Amino acid sequence: MLLSVIILIIYFGIAFRGSEINTNEESDRLFLSKDCSVVLKGLCCLIVVFCHIPYEVQIPLNSVVLTYGTICVSMFYLLSAYGLRYSFEHKKNYSRTFFKNSLLLLIIPYIISCALKMAFGFTPFSGGASFVHGLVLLYILTWAAYNIPLIKSDRARVCVVCVGVFFYSLFIYFTGAGSELGFGWNTSAPGFAWGFLLAGDKVLKRTKSALAKHYKAILIPSIVVMLVSALGYLKVEDVVFWGDYVLRVFVGLALLLAVLFVTWKVRIGNVLSRFLGTISYEIFLLHGFVINALSAANEHIFTDITPTTVPFLLATLVITIVFAYLFHLFNTFLAKKIKALKPLRLKPETK
C-alpha cells in the first residue's frame, strides 16, 4: 500500500510540477493547444506502461489502473481526432498530403516495432500497441469524410465519422471479430468521436465560452459525475453491455471531460512531461516489447531471482524511455525524408 501511495505522489508530482493558473485570455488560447496535447499524451503513456506490468510484480494500485487505464487510450484517440479535424479544416492542401505526411508516419513506425517483436520471437500485436489498427481505420474514415464528393456539409461529415466510430466500436464488442489481429479497444474508440466533435469550430467556441463564464459550475459537477460513475462502474462492470460497454464508455467520457476542464484553468507541463509527450507514440509502440524482454530475461537468465515491483518498474521505464527516444530520432529523420518526397508525375507522351 505504501508503494502505491509513493508512486501516486511521484506521478502527480510529474503531472503538476511547474503548473500555473491561466487567465481567461490564456485559457482561451491554450485550451487543447499543441503543448497541452503533448503533455497529456506524456502523462497518459506512463499509465499505459503501468497497466501492462506483469501480474507477478503488480501492487494494489495496478487493479485500479487496470480498471480505468483504457481511458488513457481514449485520450489518445480524442487528441488524435481533434488534431486531425483541425488539420483538415485549417491547413491548406492537407487532404493531398494526408497519406504521405500523416498516415505513413503512423504506420511505418508501427510496422518497424512489430518487426522488432517478431525478430525476438514475440507476438507482433502484443503489448497494447495494436490500438494503432483502429486508429488507422478511423484516420482513413476521416479522410473519406472530407474527400468523398457526396459528403458536402459539416453536419454530414460529423455523422459519417461518429456513426463510423460507434459502428466499429459496437461491431468489435458484439462479434469480437479481429481481436486476434488487435482490432480491439472497443470502449476506447469512442474517444475519437468526442475529439472530432470537440474540434468543430462551433462546438469549441461554445465550450470555451461556457468555461469562461461558468467554470466552477461546470468543473465541480463534472468531477462529481466522474467519481460517481467510476464508483458505480465497479459494481456493474460485469453486466453485459450496459455495464461493460455503455457505462464504461460513459465513465471514459466523464473522466476525459473532467481532465480537459481542469486544463482550462490549470496550465500543466514541465520539461519531463513534455519530453515524455514528444516520445509518447514510441513509448506506446515499444513498452510491450521491453516488458516481454525483461520477463523473458528474468525467466531464463535470473532463474533464482523473484522479480519485485520497484526494480522491474524502474527497469521497464528507463529502458523503454531510452529506446523510445532513439526510435523517435529515427522516426523524425524518416519523417523528413518522407515529407521531402515529391509526388510522382507522369511524363507527357512524345509524338
Protein backbone atom coordinates (compact mmCIF):
# COMPACT_ATOMS: atom_id res chain seq x y z
CA MET A 1 0.00 0.00 0.00
CA LEU A 2 2.83 2.39 0.87
CA LEU A 3 4.44 1.79 -2.53
CA SER A 4 1.15 2.61 -4.28
CA VAL A 5 0.94 5.91 -2.38
CA ILE A 6 4.57 6.77 -3.24
CA ILE A 7 4.02 6.03 -6.94
CA LEU A 8 0.88 8.21 -6.95
CA ILE A 9 2.76 11.08 -5.30
CA ILE A 10 5.57 10.82 -7.86
CA TYR A 11 3.07 10.66 -10.75
CA PHE A 12 1.09 13.71 -9.62
CA GLY A 13 4.38 15.48 -8.96
CA ILE A 14 5.33 14.88 -12.61
CA ALA A 15 1.85 15.97 -13.72
CA PHE A 16 1.59 19.24 -11.79
CA ARG A 17 5.20 20.29 -11.31
CA GLY A 18 5.54 23.76 -12.80
CA SER A 19 1.80 24.20 -13.33
CA GLU A 20 0.32 27.71 -13.45
CA ILE A 21 -3.14 29.24 -13.24
CA ASN A 22 -4.35 30.72 -16.53
CA THR A 23 -6.23 33.94 -17.05
CA ASN A 24 -9.35 33.66 -19.22
CA GLU A 25 -7.42 35.03 -22.21
CA GLU A 26 -4.67 32.46 -21.72
CA SER A 27 -7.22 29.69 -21.21
CA ASP A 28 -8.94 30.52 -24.49
CA ARG A 29 -5.62 30.47 -26.34
CA LEU A 30 -4.09 27.40 -24.65
CA PHE A 31 -7.12 25.09 -24.31
CA LEU A 32 -6.27 21.89 -26.20
CA SER A 33 -3.25 23.58 -27.72
CA LYS A 34 -0.45 21.51 -29.18
CA ASP A 35 1.58 21.92 -25.99
CA CYS A 36 -1.36 20.82 -23.82
CA SER A 37 -1.91 17.77 -26.05
CA VAL A 38 1.76 16.79 -25.84
CA VAL A 39 1.73 16.98 -22.04
CA LEU A 40 -1.48 14.94 -21.75
CA LYS A 41 -0.03 12.25 -24.01
CA GLY A 42 3.10 12.13 -21.87
CA LEU A 43 1.09 11.62 -18.69
CA CYS A 44 -1.16 9.02 -20.32
CA CYS A 45 1.70 6.91 -21.67
CA LEU A 46 3.07 6.41 -18.14
CA ILE A 47 -0.25 4.95 -17.02
CA VAL A 48 -0.39 2.68 -20.06
CA VAL A 49 3.06 1.28 -19.26
CA PHE A 50 1.97 0.69 -15.67
CA CYS A 51 -1.12 -1.17 -16.92
CA HIS A 52 0.99 -3.81 -18.65
CA ILE A 53 3.32 -4.65 -15.77
CA PRO A 54 3.22 -8.47 -15.33
CA TYR A 55 0.91 -9.92 -12.69
CA GLU A 56 3.86 -11.27 -10.67
CA VAL A 57 5.09 -7.77 -9.80
CA GLN A 58 1.78 -5.94 -9.54
CA ILE A 59 0.74 -3.96 -6.47
CA PRO A 60 -2.73 -2.88 -5.24
CA LEU A 61 -2.57 0.26 -7.40
CA ASN A 62 -2.46 -1.90 -10.51
CA SER A 63 -6.02 -3.14 -10.01
CA VAL A 64 -7.30 0.45 -10.07
CA VAL A 65 -5.13 1.40 -13.03
CA LEU A 66 -6.17 -1.70 -14.98
CA THR A 67 -9.85 -0.85 -14.42
CA TYR A 68 -9.55 2.66 -15.83
CA GLY A 69 -6.29 2.51 -17.81
CA THR A 70 -8.01 2.09 -21.16
CA ILE A 71 -9.33 5.63 -20.70
CA CYS A 72 -5.77 6.81 -21.42
CA VAL A 73 -6.11 5.18 -24.84
CA SER A 74 -9.40 7.08 -25.18
CA MET A 75 -7.43 10.28 -24.56
CA PHE A 76 -5.02 9.36 -27.37
CA TYR A 77 -7.97 8.76 -29.68
CA LEU A 78 -9.57 12.08 -28.63
CA LEU A 79 -6.41 14.12 -29.16
CA SER A 80 -5.73 12.38 -32.49
CA ALA A 81 -9.23 13.12 -33.80
CA TYR A 82 -9.07 16.72 -32.55
CA GLY A 83 -5.78 17.36 -34.33
CA LEU A 84 -6.90 15.52 -37.46
CA ARG A 85 -10.10 17.52 -37.88
CA TYR A 86 -8.29 20.77 -37.19
CA SER A 87 -5.73 19.89 -39.87
CA PHE A 88 -8.36 19.03 -42.48
CA GLU A 89 -10.26 22.26 -41.85
CA HIS A 90 -7.43 24.74 -41.28
CA LYS A 91 -4.36 23.50 -43.17
CA LYS A 92 -4.19 24.17 -46.88
CA ASN A 93 -3.96 21.09 -49.11
CA TYR A 94 -3.93 18.76 -46.09
CA SER A 95 -6.04 16.16 -47.92
CA ARG A 96 -3.44 15.93 -50.69
CA THR A 97 -0.58 15.26 -48.26
CA PHE A 98 -2.59 13.20 -45.76
CA PHE A 99 -1.38 9.75 -46.80
CA LYS A 100 2.25 10.80 -47.08
CA ASN A 101 2.59 13.17 -44.13
CA SER A 102 0.16 11.65 -41.64
CA LEU A 103 -0.89 8.09 -42.34
CA LEU A 104 2.52 6.77 -43.39
CA LEU A 105 4.15 8.38 -40.36
CA LEU A 106 1.65 6.50 -38.20
CA ILE A 107 2.01 3.14 -39.95
CA ILE A 108 5.75 2.83 -40.72
CA PRO A 109 6.99 3.11 -37.08
CA TYR A 110 4.32 0.61 -36.08
CA ILE A 111 5.45 -1.88 -38.73
CA ILE A 112 9.06 -1.46 -37.58
CA SER A 113 8.07 -2.11 -33.96
CA CYS A 114 6.13 -5.24 -34.99
CA ALA A 115 9.14 -6.50 -36.97
CA LEU A 116 11.32 -5.95 -33.90
CA LYS A 117 8.99 -8.04 -31.75
CA MET A 118 8.87 -10.82 -34.33
CA ALA A 119 12.67 -10.84 -34.59
CA PHE A 120 12.86 -11.66 -30.89
CA GLY A 121 10.09 -14.25 -31.03
CA PHE A 122 7.29 -12.15 -29.51
CA THR A 123 3.75 -11.75 -30.84
CA PRO A 124 3.81 -8.66 -33.11
CA PHE A 125 0.44 -7.32 -31.94
CA SER A 126 1.14 -7.71 -28.21
CA GLY A 127 1.72 -5.05 -25.58
CA GLY A 128 -1.25 -2.77 -26.26
CA ALA A 129 0.30 -1.01 -29.25
CA SER A 130 -2.30 -2.60 -31.52
CA PHE A 131 -4.61 0.34 -30.81
CA VAL A 132 -2.90 1.70 -33.92
CA HIS A 133 -5.01 -0.68 -36.06
CA GLY A 134 -8.23 1.00 -35.08
CA LEU A 135 -6.64 4.44 -35.30
CA VAL A 136 -5.56 3.82 -38.90
CA LEU A 137 -9.10 2.79 -39.86
CA LEU A 138 -10.54 5.91 -38.25
CA TYR A 139 -7.93 8.11 -39.94
CA ILE A 140 -8.97 6.71 -43.31
CA LEU A 141 -12.64 7.15 -42.41
CA THR A 142 -12.00 10.81 -41.60
CA TRP A 143 -10.12 11.33 -44.87
CA ALA A 144 -13.07 9.80 -46.72
CA ALA A 145 -15.49 12.14 -44.93
CA TYR A 146 -13.56 15.12 -46.29
CA ASN A 147 -12.90 13.82 -49.78
CA ILE A 148 -15.99 11.89 -50.95
CA PRO A 149 -17.95 14.36 -53.10
CA LEU A 150 -21.33 13.22 -51.75
CA ILE A 151 -20.36 14.31 -48.23
CA LYS A 152 -20.59 18.07 -48.59
CA SER A 153 -21.80 19.60 -45.31
CA ASP A 154 -20.07 19.76 -41.95
CA ARG A 155 -23.03 18.02 -40.34
CA ALA A 156 -22.76 15.14 -42.81
CA ARG A 157 -19.05 14.73 -42.02
CA VAL A 158 -19.78 14.63 -38.30
CA CYS A 159 -22.45 11.98 -38.85
CA VAL A 160 -20.17 9.85 -41.06
CA VAL A 161 -17.26 9.93 -38.62
CA CYS A 162 -19.26 9.47 -35.41
CA VAL A 163 -21.51 6.74 -36.82
CA GLY A 164 -18.42 5.04 -38.24
CA VAL A 165 -16.65 5.17 -34.87
CA PHE A 166 -19.56 3.64 -32.99
CA PHE A 167 -20.19 1.05 -35.71
CA TYR A 168 -16.56 -0.04 -35.38
CA SER A 169 -16.75 0.01 -31.58
CA LEU A 170 -20.02 -1.94 -31.33
CA PHE A 171 -19.10 -4.38 -34.10
CA ILE A 172 -15.90 -5.33 -32.26
CA TYR A 173 -17.77 -5.53 -28.94
CA PHE A 174 -20.55 -7.83 -30.15
CA THR A 175 -18.56 -10.03 -32.53
CA GLY A 176 -15.02 -9.99 -31.18
CA ALA A 177 -14.03 -10.02 -34.84
CA GLY A 178 -10.41 -9.17 -35.46
CA SER A 179 -9.42 -9.44 -31.79
CA GLU A 180 -6.57 -11.77 -32.79
CA LEU A 181 -5.28 -9.01 -35.09
CA GLY A 182 -5.56 -6.32 -32.47
CA PHE A 183 -8.81 -4.69 -33.57
CA GLY A 184 -10.00 -4.22 -30.03
CA TRP A 185 -10.20 -1.21 -27.73
CA ASN A 186 -13.94 -1.05 -28.36
CA THR A 187 -14.62 1.15 -25.32
CA SER A 188 -11.67 3.44 -26.08
CA ALA A 189 -12.50 4.11 -29.74
CA PRO A 190 -15.45 6.44 -28.90
CA GLY A 191 -12.80 8.90 -27.73
CA PHE A 192 -12.20 9.56 -31.42
CA ALA A 193 -15.81 10.69 -31.81
CA TRP A 194 -15.56 13.00 -28.78
CA GLY A 195 -12.38 14.57 -30.17
CA PHE A 196 -13.87 15.05 -33.62
CA LEU A 197 -16.98 16.71 -32.16
CA LEU A 198 -14.94 18.98 -29.89
CA ALA A 199 -12.74 20.15 -32.77
CA GLY A 200 -15.70 21.66 -34.61
CA ASP A 201 -15.45 25.46 -34.64
CA LYS A 202 -18.96 26.00 -33.26
CA VAL A 203 -18.69 23.36 -30.52
CA LEU A 204 -15.23 24.54 -29.49
CA LYS A 205 -16.33 28.18 -29.39
CA ARG A 206 -19.37 27.35 -27.25
CA THR A 207 -17.29 25.14 -24.94
CA LYS A 208 -14.73 27.88 -24.40
CA SER A 209 -17.45 30.47 -23.83
CA ALA A 210 -19.22 28.28 -21.27
CA LEU A 211 -15.99 27.53 -19.40
CA ALA A 212 -15.01 31.20 -19.34
CA LYS A 213 -18.37 32.25 -17.87
CA HIS A 214 -19.29 29.30 -15.64
CA TYR A 215 -16.05 27.46 -14.89
CA LYS A 216 -16.76 26.32 -11.33
CA ALA A 217 -20.38 25.49 -12.14
CA ILE A 218 -19.11 23.16 -14.90
CA LEU A 219 -15.96 21.75 -13.28
CA ILE A 220 -17.37 20.67 -9.91
CA PRO A 221 -20.41 18.77 -11.30
CA SER A 222 -18.18 17.14 -13.95
CA ILE A 223 -15.83 15.83 -11.26
CA VAL A 224 -18.77 14.59 -9.17
CA VAL A 225 -20.30 12.82 -12.17
CA MET A 226 -16.93 11.29 -13.00
CA LEU A 227 -16.41 9.97 -9.46
CA VAL A 228 -19.96 8.65 -9.07
CA SER A 229 -19.95 6.91 -12.45
CA ALA A 230 -16.46 5.47 -11.81
CA LEU A 231 -17.53 4.02 -8.47
CA GLY A 232 -20.79 2.79 -9.98
CA TYR A 233 -18.88 1.06 -12.73
CA LEU A 234 -17.06 -1.10 -10.16
CA LYS A 235 -20.41 -2.54 -9.10
CA VAL A 236 -21.75 -3.31 -12.58
CA GLU A 237 -18.60 -3.85 -14.67
CA ASP A 238 -19.60 -7.49 -15.26
CA VAL A 239 -23.09 -6.63 -16.52
CA VAL A 240 -23.19 -7.40 -20.24
CA PHE A 241 -23.41 -4.36 -22.50
CA TRP A 242 -24.96 -1.87 -20.04
CA GLY A 243 -22.10 -2.28 -17.59
CA ASP A 244 -19.06 -3.43 -19.54
CA TYR A 245 -19.76 -1.21 -22.55
CA VAL A 246 -22.28 1.63 -22.05
CA LEU A 247 -21.22 2.66 -18.55
CA ARG A 248 -17.55 2.10 -19.36
CA VAL A 249 -17.81 4.44 -22.35
CA PHE A 250 -19.67 6.98 -20.20
CA VAL A 251 -17.04 6.80 -17.44
CA GLY A 252 -14.40 7.37 -20.10
CA LEU A 253 -16.22 10.43 -21.42
CA ALA A 254 -16.76 11.81 -17.90
CA LEU A 255 -13.09 11.39 -16.99
CA LEU A 256 -11.87 12.88 -20.28
CA LEU A 257 -14.08 15.94 -19.86
CA ALA A 258 -13.06 16.40 -16.21
CA VAL A 259 -9.36 16.33 -17.18
CA LEU A 260 -9.90 18.75 -20.08
CA PHE A 261 -11.91 21.11 -17.89
CA VAL A 262 -9.09 21.15 -15.31
CA THR A 263 -6.61 22.09 -18.04
CA TRP A 264 -8.79 25.09 -18.95
CA LYS A 265 -7.66 26.88 -15.80
CA VAL A 266 -4.53 24.94 -14.84
CA ARG A 267 -1.64 25.08 -17.31
CA ILE A 268 0.16 21.79 -16.77
CA GLY A 269 3.51 20.87 -18.25
CA ASN A 270 7.20 20.75 -17.44
CA VAL A 271 10.39 19.54 -19.09
CA LEU A 272 9.78 15.89 -18.18
CA SER A 273 6.09 15.67 -19.13
CA ARG A 274 6.75 17.45 -22.43
CA PHE A 275 9.67 15.14 -23.18
CA LEU A 276 7.51 12.08 -22.46
CA GLY A 277 4.74 13.53 -24.62
CA THR A 278 7.14 14.06 -27.51
CA ILE A 279 8.10 10.37 -27.49
CA SER A 280 4.72 9.06 -26.30
CA TYR A 281 3.90 7.28 -29.57
CA GLU A 282 7.22 5.44 -29.47
CA ILE A 283 6.64 4.55 -25.80
CA PHE A 284 3.28 3.11 -26.79
CA LEU A 285 4.91 1.04 -29.51
CA LEU A 286 7.90 -0.26 -27.54
CA HIS A 287 6.84 -0.68 -23.90
CA GLY A 288 5.24 -4.09 -24.52
CA PHE A 289 8.40 -5.34 -26.20
CA VAL A 290 10.55 -4.16 -23.27
CA ILE A 291 8.25 -5.77 -20.70
CA ASN A 292 8.25 -9.07 -22.61
CA ALA A 293 12.03 -8.96 -22.96
CA LEU A 294 12.55 -8.26 -19.25
CA SER A 295 10.12 -11.04 -18.31
CA ALA A 296 11.91 -13.49 -20.62
CA ALA A 297 15.32 -12.46 -19.23
CA ASN A 298 14.10 -12.97 -15.68
CA GLU A 299 12.72 -16.40 -16.57
CA HIS A 300 15.70 -17.72 -18.49
CA ILE A 301 18.70 -15.85 -17.05
CA PHE A 302 17.87 -14.83 -13.49
CA THR A 303 16.04 -18.05 -12.67
CA ASP A 304 16.75 -17.88 -8.93
CA ILE A 305 15.58 -14.29 -8.50
CA THR A 306 11.95 -13.44 -7.83
CA PRO A 307 11.15 -10.13 -9.58
CA THR A 308 9.95 -7.29 -7.37
CA THR A 309 7.90 -4.29 -8.35
CA VAL A 310 10.32 -1.38 -7.93
CA PRO A 311 13.31 -2.81 -9.87
CA PHE A 312 11.08 -4.21 -12.62
CA LEU A 313 9.09 -0.99 -12.97
CA LEU A 314 12.22 1.19 -12.97
CA ALA A 315 13.95 -1.06 -15.50
CA THR A 316 10.85 -1.03 -17.71
CA LEU A 317 10.53 2.77 -17.62
CA VAL A 318 14.22 3.54 -18.10
CA ILE A 319 14.80 1.06 -20.93
CA THR A 320 11.52 1.96 -22.65
CA ILE A 321 12.21 5.70 -22.50
CA VAL A 322 15.78 5.33 -23.78
CA PHE A 323 14.76 3.09 -26.68
CA ALA A 324 11.69 5.26 -27.40
CA TYR A 325 13.88 8.36 -27.61
CA LEU A 326 16.28 6.68 -30.04
CA PHE A 327 13.34 5.36 -32.05
CA HIS A 328 11.86 8.87 -32.06
CA LEU A 329 15.09 10.29 -33.50
CA PHE A 330 14.93 7.68 -36.27
CA ASN A 331 11.24 8.42 -36.91
CA THR A 332 11.97 12.16 -37.07
CA PHE A 333 14.69 11.54 -39.64
CA LEU A 334 12.32 9.23 -41.57
CA ALA A 335 9.54 11.81 -41.45
CA LYS A 336 11.78 14.47 -43.02
CA LYS A 337 12.71 12.11 -45.83
CA ILE A 338 9.09 11.12 -46.48
CA LYS A 339 7.84 14.71 -46.44
CA ALA A 340 10.58 15.69 -48.84
CA LEU A 341 9.39 13.16 -51.41
CA LYS A 342 7.79 14.76 -54.42
CA PRO A 343 4.65 13.25 -55.91
CA LEU A 344 5.24 11.14 -58.97
CA ARG A 345 4.39 12.85 -62.24
CA LEU A 346 3.86 11.01 -65.44
CA LYS A 347 5.94 12.32 -68.32
CA PRO A 348 3.90 13.58 -71.26
CA GLU A 349 3.81 11.24 -74.18
CA THR A 350 6.22 12.15 -77.00
CA LYS A 351 4.92 12.04 -80.52
